[in-house]
N, C-alpha and C. Protein backbone atom coordinates (compact mmCIF):
# COMPACT_ATOMS: atom_id res chain seq x y z
N UNK A 1 31.04 207.49 47.99
CA UNK A 1 31.03 207.09 46.59
C UNK A 1 30.07 205.91 46.39
N UNK A 2 29.31 205.95 45.31
CA UNK A 2 28.36 204.87 45.05
C UNK A 2 29.08 203.58 44.69
N UNK A 3 28.56 202.48 45.19
CA UNK A 3 29.12 201.18 44.85
C UNK A 3 28.65 200.75 43.47
N UNK A 4 29.51 200.03 42.76
CA UNK A 4 29.15 199.50 41.45
C UNK A 4 28.99 197.98 41.57
N UNK A 5 27.78 197.52 41.34
CA UNK A 5 27.48 196.09 41.45
C UNK A 5 27.13 195.55 40.07
N UNK A 6 27.87 194.54 39.66
CA UNK A 6 27.63 193.93 38.35
C UNK A 6 26.64 192.79 38.42
N UNK A 7 25.78 192.71 37.43
CA UNK A 7 24.87 191.56 37.31
C UNK A 7 25.28 190.80 36.06
N UNK A 8 25.76 189.58 36.28
CA UNK A 8 26.28 188.76 35.19
C UNK A 8 25.35 187.57 34.95
N UNK A 9 24.90 187.41 33.73
CA UNK A 9 24.00 186.31 33.42
C UNK A 9 23.85 186.13 31.92
N UNK A 10 23.02 185.20 31.53
CA UNK A 10 22.83 184.85 30.12
C UNK A 10 22.49 186.07 29.28
N UNK A 11 23.27 186.28 28.23
CA UNK A 11 23.03 187.43 27.36
C UNK A 11 22.15 187.10 26.17
N UNK A 12 21.76 185.86 26.03
CA UNK A 12 20.91 185.44 24.91
C UNK A 12 19.72 184.67 25.45
N UNK A 13 18.68 184.64 24.65
CA UNK A 13 17.48 183.90 25.06
C UNK A 13 16.90 183.22 23.82
N UNK A 14 17.50 182.12 23.47
CA UNK A 14 17.05 181.38 22.29
C UNK A 14 17.25 179.90 22.53
N UNK A 15 16.92 179.08 21.58
CA UNK A 15 17.05 177.64 21.73
C UNK A 15 18.49 177.28 22.08
N UNK A 16 18.65 176.53 23.15
CA UNK A 16 19.98 176.13 23.58
C UNK A 16 20.52 177.04 24.67
N UNK A 17 19.85 178.15 24.91
CA UNK A 17 20.31 179.08 25.95
C UNK A 17 19.08 179.76 26.56
N UNK A 18 18.16 178.95 27.02
CA UNK A 18 16.88 179.44 27.52
C UNK A 18 17.00 180.09 28.89
N UNK A 19 16.34 181.23 29.05
CA UNK A 19 16.29 181.92 30.33
C UNK A 19 14.92 181.67 30.94
N UNK A 20 14.89 181.06 32.10
CA UNK A 20 13.62 180.72 32.73
C UNK A 20 12.88 181.96 33.23
N UNK A 21 11.59 181.77 33.46
CA UNK A 21 10.76 182.85 33.99
C UNK A 21 11.26 183.29 35.35
N UNK A 22 11.68 182.32 36.17
CA UNK A 22 12.20 182.63 37.50
C UNK A 22 13.47 183.47 37.43
N UNK A 23 14.37 183.13 36.51
CA UNK A 23 15.61 183.89 36.35
C UNK A 23 15.32 185.32 35.90
N UNK A 24 14.33 185.47 35.04
CA UNK A 24 13.93 186.80 34.57
C UNK A 24 13.41 187.65 35.74
N UNK A 25 12.56 187.04 36.54
CA UNK A 25 11.99 187.76 37.69
C UNK A 25 13.09 188.18 38.67
N UNK A 26 14.02 187.27 38.94
CA UNK A 26 15.11 187.56 39.87
C UNK A 26 16.01 188.67 39.33
N UNK A 27 16.30 188.63 38.04
CA UNK A 27 17.16 189.65 37.43
C UNK A 27 16.52 191.03 37.53
N UNK A 28 15.24 191.09 37.23
CA UNK A 28 14.52 192.38 37.28
C UNK A 28 14.52 192.93 38.71
N UNK A 29 14.21 192.08 39.67
CA UNK A 29 14.15 192.52 41.07
C UNK A 29 15.53 192.89 41.61
N UNK A 30 16.56 192.19 41.14
CA UNK A 30 17.93 192.54 41.54
C UNK A 30 18.28 193.94 41.07
N UNK A 31 17.92 194.23 39.83
CA UNK A 31 18.15 195.57 39.29
C UNK A 31 17.47 196.64 40.12
N UNK A 32 16.24 196.37 40.50
CA UNK A 32 15.49 197.32 41.35
C UNK A 32 16.17 197.49 42.71
N UNK A 33 16.57 196.39 43.31
CA UNK A 33 17.19 196.44 44.64
C UNK A 33 18.51 197.21 44.61
N UNK A 34 19.30 196.98 43.57
CA UNK A 34 20.57 197.69 43.43
C UNK A 34 20.33 199.19 43.36
N UNK A 35 19.33 199.59 42.60
CA UNK A 35 18.98 201.01 42.47
C UNK A 35 18.44 201.57 43.79
N UNK A 36 17.60 200.81 44.47
CA UNK A 36 17.02 201.26 45.73
C UNK A 36 18.08 201.49 46.80
N UNK A 37 19.19 200.76 46.71
CA UNK A 37 20.29 200.93 47.66
C UNK A 37 21.29 201.97 47.18
N UNK A 38 20.89 202.75 46.18
CA UNK A 38 21.71 203.85 45.67
C UNK A 38 23.05 203.37 45.12
N UNK A 39 23.05 202.19 44.53
CA UNK A 39 24.25 201.66 43.88
C UNK A 39 24.10 201.73 42.37
N UNK A 40 25.21 201.65 41.67
CA UNK A 40 25.21 201.67 40.21
C UNK A 40 25.24 200.24 39.69
N UNK A 41 24.37 199.95 38.74
CA UNK A 41 24.35 198.63 38.12
C UNK A 41 25.30 198.63 36.92
N UNK A 42 26.15 197.62 36.86
CA UNK A 42 27.08 197.47 35.74
C UNK A 42 26.84 196.12 35.09
N UNK A 43 26.84 196.08 33.75
CA UNK A 43 26.73 194.79 33.06
C UNK A 43 27.31 194.88 31.65
N UNK A 44 27.20 193.78 30.92
CA UNK A 44 27.83 193.67 29.61
C UNK A 44 27.10 194.30 28.45
N UNK A 45 26.11 195.13 28.72
CA UNK A 45 25.40 195.91 27.69
C UNK A 45 24.75 195.04 26.62
N UNK A 46 24.32 193.85 27.02
CA UNK A 46 23.71 192.94 26.06
C UNK A 46 22.26 192.62 26.45
N UNK A 47 21.67 191.72 25.71
CA UNK A 47 20.29 191.34 25.99
C UNK A 47 20.23 190.30 27.11
N UNK A 48 19.08 189.69 27.31
CA UNK A 48 18.96 188.64 28.31
C UNK A 48 18.97 189.19 29.73
N UNK A 49 19.61 188.47 30.63
CA UNK A 49 19.66 188.82 32.06
C UNK A 49 20.18 190.24 32.30
N UNK A 50 21.30 190.66 31.67
CA UNK A 50 21.80 192.01 31.90
C UNK A 50 20.78 193.09 31.53
N UNK A 51 20.10 192.89 30.42
CA UNK A 51 19.10 193.87 29.97
C UNK A 51 17.90 193.91 30.92
N UNK A 52 17.45 192.76 31.34
CA UNK A 52 16.30 192.68 32.26
C UNK A 52 16.64 193.35 33.60
N UNK A 53 17.84 193.10 34.11
CA UNK A 53 18.28 193.74 35.36
C UNK A 53 18.35 195.25 35.19
N UNK A 54 18.81 195.69 34.02
CA UNK A 54 18.90 197.12 33.73
C UNK A 54 17.53 197.77 33.73
N UNK A 55 16.54 197.08 33.18
CA UNK A 55 15.17 197.60 33.17
C UNK A 55 14.66 197.76 34.60
N UNK A 56 14.97 196.79 35.45
CA UNK A 56 14.57 196.88 36.85
C UNK A 56 15.19 198.08 37.52
N UNK A 57 16.47 198.31 37.27
CA UNK A 57 17.18 199.45 37.87
C UNK A 57 16.60 200.77 37.37
N UNK A 58 16.33 200.86 36.08
CA UNK A 58 15.78 202.11 35.52
C UNK A 58 14.37 202.38 36.06
N UNK A 59 13.59 201.32 36.25
CA UNK A 59 12.24 201.49 36.80
C UNK A 59 12.26 201.98 38.24
N UNK A 60 13.43 201.81 38.89
CA UNK A 60 13.60 202.29 40.27
C UNK A 60 14.49 203.55 40.30
N UNK A 61 14.57 204.22 39.12
CA UNK A 61 15.35 205.46 38.99
C UNK A 61 16.83 205.28 39.30
N UNK A 62 17.38 204.12 38.95
CA UNK A 62 18.79 203.86 39.19
C UNK A 62 19.66 204.23 38.01
N UNK A 63 20.97 204.13 38.21
CA UNK A 63 21.94 204.42 37.16
C UNK A 63 22.52 203.10 36.64
N UNK A 64 22.65 203.00 35.32
CA UNK A 64 23.13 201.77 34.70
C UNK A 64 24.29 202.08 33.75
N UNK A 65 25.38 201.33 33.92
CA UNK A 65 26.54 201.45 33.04
C UNK A 65 26.69 200.16 32.26
N UNK A 66 26.80 200.28 30.94
CA UNK A 66 27.00 199.11 30.09
C UNK A 66 28.42 199.08 29.55
N UNK A 67 29.03 197.90 29.57
CA UNK A 67 30.38 197.72 29.03
C UNK A 67 30.26 196.85 27.78
N UNK A 68 30.40 197.47 26.64
CA UNK A 68 30.14 196.81 25.37
C UNK A 68 31.39 196.17 24.76
N UNK A 69 31.21 195.06 24.06
CA UNK A 69 32.35 194.44 23.35
C UNK A 69 32.68 195.19 22.06
N UNK A 70 31.78 196.08 21.65
CA UNK A 70 31.92 196.79 20.37
C UNK A 70 32.94 197.93 20.44
N UNK A 71 33.37 198.38 19.26
CA UNK A 71 34.32 199.50 19.17
C UNK A 71 33.62 200.85 19.24
N UNK A 72 32.35 200.87 18.84
CA UNK A 72 31.61 202.14 18.79
C UNK A 72 30.11 201.86 18.78
N UNK A 73 29.35 202.95 18.77
CA UNK A 73 27.90 202.87 18.80
C UNK A 73 27.36 202.08 17.60
N UNK A 74 27.87 202.35 16.43
CA UNK A 74 27.39 201.70 15.21
C UNK A 74 27.58 200.18 15.29
N UNK A 75 28.76 199.75 15.72
CA UNK A 75 29.02 198.32 15.85
C UNK A 75 28.16 197.70 16.95
N UNK A 76 27.95 198.45 18.01
CA UNK A 76 27.14 197.97 19.13
C UNK A 76 25.73 197.61 18.68
N UNK A 77 25.11 198.48 17.89
CA UNK A 77 23.72 198.23 17.50
C UNK A 77 23.56 197.45 16.20
N UNK A 78 24.54 197.55 15.28
CA UNK A 78 24.38 196.88 13.98
C UNK A 78 25.07 195.52 13.91
N UNK A 79 26.26 195.42 14.47
CA UNK A 79 26.97 194.14 14.43
C UNK A 79 26.52 193.21 15.56
N UNK A 80 26.54 193.75 16.78
CA UNK A 80 26.15 192.93 17.93
C UNK A 80 24.64 192.92 18.16
N UNK A 81 23.97 193.94 17.62
CA UNK A 81 22.51 194.09 17.79
C UNK A 81 22.13 194.16 19.28
N UNK A 82 22.90 194.96 20.03
CA UNK A 82 22.68 195.13 21.45
C UNK A 82 21.88 196.39 21.73
N UNK A 83 21.17 196.44 22.85
CA UNK A 83 20.31 197.58 23.18
C UNK A 83 21.10 198.77 23.73
N UNK A 84 20.44 199.93 23.68
CA UNK A 84 21.04 201.16 24.24
C UNK A 84 20.07 201.89 25.16
N UNK A 85 18.79 201.54 25.11
CA UNK A 85 17.75 202.34 25.76
C UNK A 85 17.78 202.35 27.28
N UNK A 86 18.45 201.38 27.92
CA UNK A 86 18.43 201.32 29.38
C UNK A 86 19.74 201.78 30.03
N UNK A 87 20.66 202.27 29.19
CA UNK A 87 21.98 202.63 29.71
C UNK A 87 22.19 204.14 29.82
N UNK A 88 22.70 204.55 30.98
CA UNK A 88 23.06 205.95 31.17
C UNK A 88 24.42 206.23 30.56
N UNK A 89 25.31 205.24 30.66
CA UNK A 89 26.66 205.35 30.10
C UNK A 89 26.99 204.04 29.41
N UNK A 90 27.57 204.13 28.20
CA UNK A 90 28.04 202.95 27.49
C UNK A 90 29.53 203.10 27.22
N UNK A 91 30.31 202.11 27.67
CA UNK A 91 31.74 202.09 27.38
C UNK A 91 31.96 201.11 26.23
N UNK A 92 32.61 201.58 25.17
CA UNK A 92 32.91 200.71 24.03
C UNK A 92 34.35 200.23 24.16
N UNK A 93 34.53 198.96 24.48
CA UNK A 93 35.87 198.43 24.71
C UNK A 93 36.60 198.08 23.42
N UNK A 94 35.83 197.58 22.43
CA UNK A 94 36.44 197.13 21.19
C UNK A 94 37.22 195.83 21.36
N UNK A 95 37.00 195.14 22.48
CA UNK A 95 37.78 193.94 22.80
C UNK A 95 37.05 192.63 22.51
N UNK A 96 35.84 192.69 21.97
CA UNK A 96 35.08 191.46 21.79
C UNK A 96 34.56 190.97 23.13
N UNK A 97 33.95 189.79 23.14
CA UNK A 97 33.31 189.30 24.35
C UNK A 97 34.29 189.00 25.49
N UNK A 98 35.36 188.27 25.20
CA UNK A 98 36.27 187.87 26.27
C UNK A 98 36.99 189.06 26.88
N UNK A 99 37.45 189.98 26.04
CA UNK A 99 38.11 191.19 26.55
C UNK A 99 37.13 192.08 27.29
N UNK A 100 35.92 192.16 26.77
CA UNK A 100 34.86 192.94 27.42
C UNK A 100 34.60 192.42 28.82
N UNK A 101 34.60 191.10 28.97
CA UNK A 101 34.30 190.50 30.27
C UNK A 101 35.28 190.93 31.36
N UNK A 102 36.55 191.04 31.00
CA UNK A 102 37.57 191.46 31.95
C UNK A 102 37.32 192.90 32.40
N UNK A 103 37.05 193.77 31.46
CA UNK A 103 36.77 195.18 31.77
C UNK A 103 35.49 195.29 32.59
N UNK A 104 34.49 194.54 32.19
CA UNK A 104 33.19 194.54 32.86
C UNK A 104 33.33 194.19 34.34
N UNK A 105 33.97 193.06 34.62
CA UNK A 105 34.11 192.58 35.99
C UNK A 105 35.04 193.47 36.82
N UNK A 106 36.16 193.87 36.24
CA UNK A 106 37.15 194.64 37.00
C UNK A 106 36.68 196.04 37.37
N UNK A 107 35.61 196.50 36.75
CA UNK A 107 35.07 197.81 37.09
C UNK A 107 33.93 197.73 38.11
N UNK A 108 33.77 196.58 38.73
CA UNK A 108 32.72 196.39 39.74
C UNK A 108 33.34 196.24 41.13
N UNK A 109 32.60 196.67 42.14
CA UNK A 109 33.00 196.43 43.52
C UNK A 109 32.60 195.02 43.95
N UNK A 110 31.60 194.48 43.29
CA UNK A 110 31.12 193.12 43.53
C UNK A 110 30.27 192.72 42.34
N UNK A 111 30.11 191.42 42.15
CA UNK A 111 29.22 190.97 41.07
C UNK A 111 28.20 189.99 41.62
N UNK A 112 27.11 189.85 40.86
CA UNK A 112 26.09 188.85 41.19
C UNK A 112 25.89 187.97 39.96
N UNK A 113 25.94 186.67 40.18
CA UNK A 113 25.76 185.71 39.09
C UNK A 113 24.31 185.24 39.10
N UNK A 114 23.64 185.43 37.96
CA UNK A 114 22.25 185.00 37.81
C UNK A 114 22.17 184.06 36.60
N UNK A 115 21.77 182.82 36.83
CA UNK A 115 21.67 181.84 35.75
C UNK A 115 23.01 181.81 35.00
N UNK A 116 23.01 181.89 33.71
CA UNK A 116 24.26 182.04 32.96
C UNK A 116 24.74 180.80 32.23
N UNK A 117 25.54 181.07 31.18
CA UNK A 117 26.13 180.00 30.39
C UNK A 117 27.64 180.25 30.27
N UNK A 118 28.23 180.06 29.10
CA UNK A 118 29.68 180.14 28.97
C UNK A 118 30.23 181.53 29.31
N UNK A 119 29.58 182.58 28.81
CA UNK A 119 30.05 183.94 29.08
C UNK A 119 30.01 184.27 30.56
N UNK A 120 28.97 183.84 31.23
CA UNK A 120 28.83 184.07 32.66
C UNK A 120 29.88 183.28 33.45
N UNK A 121 30.18 182.08 32.97
CA UNK A 121 31.23 181.27 33.59
C UNK A 121 32.57 182.02 33.51
N UNK A 122 32.83 182.63 32.36
CA UNK A 122 34.05 183.41 32.18
C UNK A 122 34.10 184.59 33.15
N UNK A 123 32.98 185.29 33.29
CA UNK A 123 32.91 186.44 34.20
C UNK A 123 33.07 185.99 35.65
N UNK A 124 32.47 184.87 35.98
CA UNK A 124 32.59 184.35 37.34
C UNK A 124 34.04 184.00 37.67
N UNK A 125 34.72 183.30 36.76
CA UNK A 125 36.09 182.87 37.04
C UNK A 125 37.05 184.07 37.11
N UNK A 126 36.79 185.11 36.34
CA UNK A 126 37.60 186.34 36.42
C UNK A 126 37.46 186.94 37.82
N UNK A 127 36.22 187.06 38.28
CA UNK A 127 35.95 187.63 39.60
C UNK A 127 36.52 186.76 40.71
N UNK A 128 36.37 185.45 40.57
CA UNK A 128 36.87 184.52 41.58
C UNK A 128 38.39 184.58 41.66
N UNK A 129 39.04 184.58 40.51
CA UNK A 129 40.49 184.61 40.46
C UNK A 129 41.05 185.91 41.04
N UNK A 130 40.28 186.98 40.92
CA UNK A 130 40.70 188.29 41.45
C UNK A 130 40.34 188.47 42.92
N UNK A 131 39.72 187.45 43.53
CA UNK A 131 39.39 187.51 44.95
C UNK A 131 38.29 188.50 45.28
N UNK A 132 37.34 188.64 44.38
CA UNK A 132 36.27 189.61 44.56
C UNK A 132 35.13 189.08 45.44
N UNK A 133 34.21 189.96 45.76
CA UNK A 133 32.97 189.59 46.44
C UNK A 133 31.97 189.18 45.36
N UNK A 134 31.46 187.97 45.48
CA UNK A 134 30.59 187.42 44.44
C UNK A 134 29.27 186.96 45.06
N UNK A 135 28.18 187.50 44.56
CA UNK A 135 26.86 187.06 44.99
C UNK A 135 26.35 185.98 44.05
N UNK A 136 25.71 184.98 44.60
CA UNK A 136 25.17 183.89 43.80
C UNK A 136 23.66 183.83 44.02
N UNK A 137 22.91 184.06 42.94
CA UNK A 137 21.45 184.05 43.02
C UNK A 137 20.97 182.61 42.93
N UNK A 138 20.74 182.01 44.08
CA UNK A 138 20.33 180.61 44.13
C UNK A 138 18.95 180.40 43.52
N UNK A 139 18.82 179.29 42.83
CA UNK A 139 17.53 178.97 42.22
C UNK A 139 17.30 179.62 40.88
N UNK A 140 18.33 180.30 40.34
CA UNK A 140 18.16 180.98 39.05
C UNK A 140 18.59 180.10 37.88
N UNK A 141 19.15 178.91 38.19
CA UNK A 141 19.55 177.99 37.12
C UNK A 141 20.93 178.30 36.56
N UNK A 142 21.28 177.59 35.49
CA UNK A 142 22.53 177.84 34.79
C UNK A 142 23.77 177.73 35.67
N UNK A 143 24.79 178.52 35.35
CA UNK A 143 26.06 178.51 36.06
C UNK A 143 25.89 178.79 37.55
N UNK A 144 24.95 179.66 37.89
CA UNK A 144 24.75 180.03 39.30
C UNK A 144 24.48 178.83 40.19
N UNK A 145 23.85 177.81 39.66
CA UNK A 145 23.52 176.63 40.46
C UNK A 145 24.67 175.62 40.54
N UNK A 146 25.80 175.91 39.85
CA UNK A 146 26.94 174.99 39.86
C UNK A 146 28.23 175.64 40.33
N UNK A 147 28.10 176.81 40.96
CA UNK A 147 29.27 177.56 41.43
C UNK A 147 30.15 176.73 42.37
N UNK A 148 29.55 176.05 43.32
CA UNK A 148 30.32 175.25 44.27
C UNK A 148 31.12 174.15 43.58
N UNK A 149 30.52 173.53 42.58
CA UNK A 149 31.22 172.48 41.83
C UNK A 149 32.41 173.05 41.06
N UNK A 150 32.21 174.23 40.49
CA UNK A 150 33.27 174.89 39.72
C UNK A 150 34.46 175.22 40.63
N UNK A 151 34.17 175.75 41.81
CA UNK A 151 35.22 176.09 42.77
C UNK A 151 35.98 174.85 43.22
N UNK A 152 35.22 173.77 43.44
CA UNK A 152 35.83 172.52 43.89
C UNK A 152 36.77 171.97 42.83
N UNK A 153 36.33 172.01 41.58
CA UNK A 153 37.15 171.52 40.46
C UNK A 153 38.38 172.40 40.27
N UNK A 154 38.20 173.72 40.40
CA UNK A 154 39.31 174.66 40.21
C UNK A 154 40.40 174.45 41.26
N UNK A 155 39.99 174.08 42.47
CA UNK A 155 40.92 173.76 43.56
C UNK A 155 41.96 174.87 43.76
N UNK A 156 41.48 176.09 43.89
CA UNK A 156 42.38 177.23 44.09
C UNK A 156 41.75 178.22 45.06
N UNK A 157 42.49 178.57 46.11
CA UNK A 157 42.01 179.57 47.05
C UNK A 157 42.48 180.94 46.58
N UNK A 158 41.53 181.86 46.44
CA UNK A 158 41.87 183.19 45.91
C UNK A 158 41.52 184.32 46.86
N UNK A 159 40.83 183.99 47.94
CA UNK A 159 40.38 185.04 48.85
C UNK A 159 39.03 185.62 48.46
N UNK A 160 38.42 185.07 47.42
CA UNK A 160 37.10 185.53 46.99
C UNK A 160 36.06 185.24 48.08
N UNK A 161 35.09 186.14 48.21
CA UNK A 161 34.00 185.96 49.17
C UNK A 161 32.73 185.60 48.41
N UNK A 162 32.19 184.43 48.69
CA UNK A 162 30.96 183.97 48.02
C UNK A 162 29.78 184.17 48.96
N UNK A 163 28.75 184.83 48.45
CA UNK A 163 27.54 185.09 49.23
C UNK A 163 26.36 184.49 48.48
N UNK A 164 25.63 183.62 49.15
CA UNK A 164 24.51 182.92 48.52
C UNK A 164 23.19 183.37 49.13
N UNK A 165 22.16 183.48 48.29
CA UNK A 165 20.82 183.74 48.82
C UNK A 165 19.78 183.47 47.74
N UNK A 166 18.57 183.12 48.19
CA UNK A 166 17.46 182.89 47.27
C UNK A 166 16.59 184.13 47.10
N UNK A 167 16.78 185.10 48.00
CA UNK A 167 15.99 186.34 47.97
C UNK A 167 16.86 187.49 47.47
N UNK A 168 16.40 188.16 46.44
CA UNK A 168 17.20 189.21 45.81
C UNK A 168 17.52 190.38 46.74
N UNK A 169 16.53 190.80 47.58
CA UNK A 169 16.79 191.95 48.45
C UNK A 169 17.80 191.59 49.54
N UNK A 170 17.74 190.35 50.06
CA UNK A 170 18.71 189.92 51.07
C UNK A 170 20.11 189.80 50.47
N UNK A 171 20.18 189.30 49.24
CA UNK A 171 21.47 189.13 48.59
C UNK A 171 22.16 190.47 48.37
N UNK A 172 21.44 191.44 47.87
CA UNK A 172 22.01 192.78 47.63
C UNK A 172 22.46 193.40 48.95
N UNK A 173 21.64 193.27 49.97
CA UNK A 173 21.99 193.84 51.29
C UNK A 173 23.26 193.21 51.84
N UNK A 174 23.38 191.89 51.72
CA UNK A 174 24.57 191.19 52.22
C UNK A 174 25.82 191.59 51.44
N UNK A 175 25.67 191.76 50.14
CA UNK A 175 26.81 192.14 49.30
C UNK A 175 27.30 193.54 49.66
N UNK A 176 26.39 194.46 49.82
CA UNK A 176 26.77 195.83 50.19
C UNK A 176 27.49 195.83 51.54
N UNK A 177 26.97 195.07 52.50
CA UNK A 177 27.60 194.98 53.81
C UNK A 177 29.03 194.42 53.70
N UNK A 178 29.20 193.39 52.86
CA UNK A 178 30.52 192.78 52.67
C UNK A 178 31.50 193.74 52.02
N UNK A 179 31.04 194.51 51.04
CA UNK A 179 31.91 195.48 50.36
C UNK A 179 32.34 196.57 51.32
N UNK A 180 31.40 197.11 52.10
CA UNK A 180 31.71 198.17 53.07
C UNK A 180 32.69 197.65 54.13
N UNK A 181 32.49 196.43 54.57
CA UNK A 181 33.37 195.82 55.56
C UNK A 181 34.78 195.68 55.00
N UNK A 182 34.87 195.27 53.74
CA UNK A 182 36.16 195.12 53.08
C UNK A 182 36.85 196.47 52.92
N UNK A 183 36.08 197.51 52.61
CA UNK A 183 36.64 198.85 52.46
C UNK A 183 37.28 199.32 53.76
N UNK A 184 36.60 199.08 54.88
CA UNK A 184 37.13 199.46 56.19
C UNK A 184 38.42 198.69 56.48
N UNK A 185 38.41 197.40 56.19
CA UNK A 185 39.59 196.55 56.41
C UNK A 185 40.76 197.02 55.56
N UNK A 186 40.49 197.35 54.30
CA UNK A 186 41.55 197.81 53.40
C UNK A 186 42.14 199.14 53.86
N UNK A 187 41.28 200.05 54.34
CA UNK A 187 41.76 201.34 54.83
C UNK A 187 42.66 201.17 56.05
N UNK A 188 42.27 200.26 56.94
CA UNK A 188 43.08 199.99 58.12
C UNK A 188 44.43 199.40 57.74
N UNK A 189 44.42 198.52 56.74
CA UNK A 189 45.64 197.89 56.28
C UNK A 189 46.58 198.91 55.66
N UNK A 190 46.04 199.83 54.88
CA UNK A 190 46.83 200.90 54.26
C UNK A 190 47.41 201.82 55.32
N UNK A 191 46.59 202.13 56.34
CA UNK A 191 47.04 203.00 57.42
C UNK A 191 48.19 202.36 58.19
N UNK A 192 48.05 201.06 58.48
CA UNK A 192 49.11 200.35 59.21
C UNK A 192 50.40 200.30 58.40
N UNK A 193 50.25 200.08 57.10
CA UNK A 193 51.42 200.02 56.23
C UNK A 193 52.12 201.38 56.18
N UNK A 194 51.32 202.45 56.12
CA UNK A 194 51.87 203.81 56.10
C UNK A 194 52.59 204.12 57.40
N UNK A 195 51.97 203.74 58.53
CA UNK A 195 52.58 203.99 59.84
C UNK A 195 53.89 203.22 60.00
N UNK A 196 53.91 202.00 59.44
CA UNK A 196 55.12 201.17 59.51
C UNK A 196 56.24 201.80 58.72
N UNK A 197 55.93 202.33 57.54
CA UNK A 197 56.95 202.98 56.71
C UNK A 197 57.48 204.24 57.37
N UNK A 198 56.56 204.99 57.98
CA UNK A 198 56.96 206.22 58.67
C UNK A 198 57.88 205.89 59.86
N UNK A 199 57.59 204.78 60.55
CA UNK A 199 58.40 204.37 61.69
C UNK A 199 59.82 203.99 61.24
N UNK A 200 59.90 203.30 60.09
CA UNK A 200 61.20 202.86 59.57
C UNK A 200 62.04 204.06 59.11
N UNK A 201 61.35 205.16 58.72
CA UNK A 201 62.06 206.33 58.23
C UNK A 201 62.65 207.17 59.36
N UNK A 202 62.13 206.98 60.56
CA UNK A 202 62.59 207.79 61.70
C UNK A 202 64.02 207.40 62.14
């Protein structure tokens, strides 16, 4: 089964929420790398970093799933003014931004944080609290450059796995390896639990 990797980052690019040239380049290359590794890219179906990553994935013939805060197609394009051209599948949650973020993150096998502001912080904390595998694109600015401080302030161990890298291809490779390793561990744990129950039934 294909892995679903989320790219979480700034959804706007205007005064007060500027996306640097470096963050744009990293987002695009991350999208390409995710597609090259035969994984599905998942994001919040908005502009900015998610859209740029989606373009990278599509240019590498990848599959992209968007999780929209809107109730339907009309609201997605007219109320939120979000794009549709780079998505193979669009899920309309109807939950607004905060509700969308939960659905977005929980449908990923791992996420990658690129730059980011308040919305990305929300997505990061959801993933961290759920003990997920989280990639951090170092040098991309925004929330991504303050992840360690956020964890320190939160002062909570959740079992989340944090993977840091400055190179997009190395980061994607490390994340895939971590997810596959976790899958093997989970299967072994389920098998042991099943064998234990069977033993108790005898």
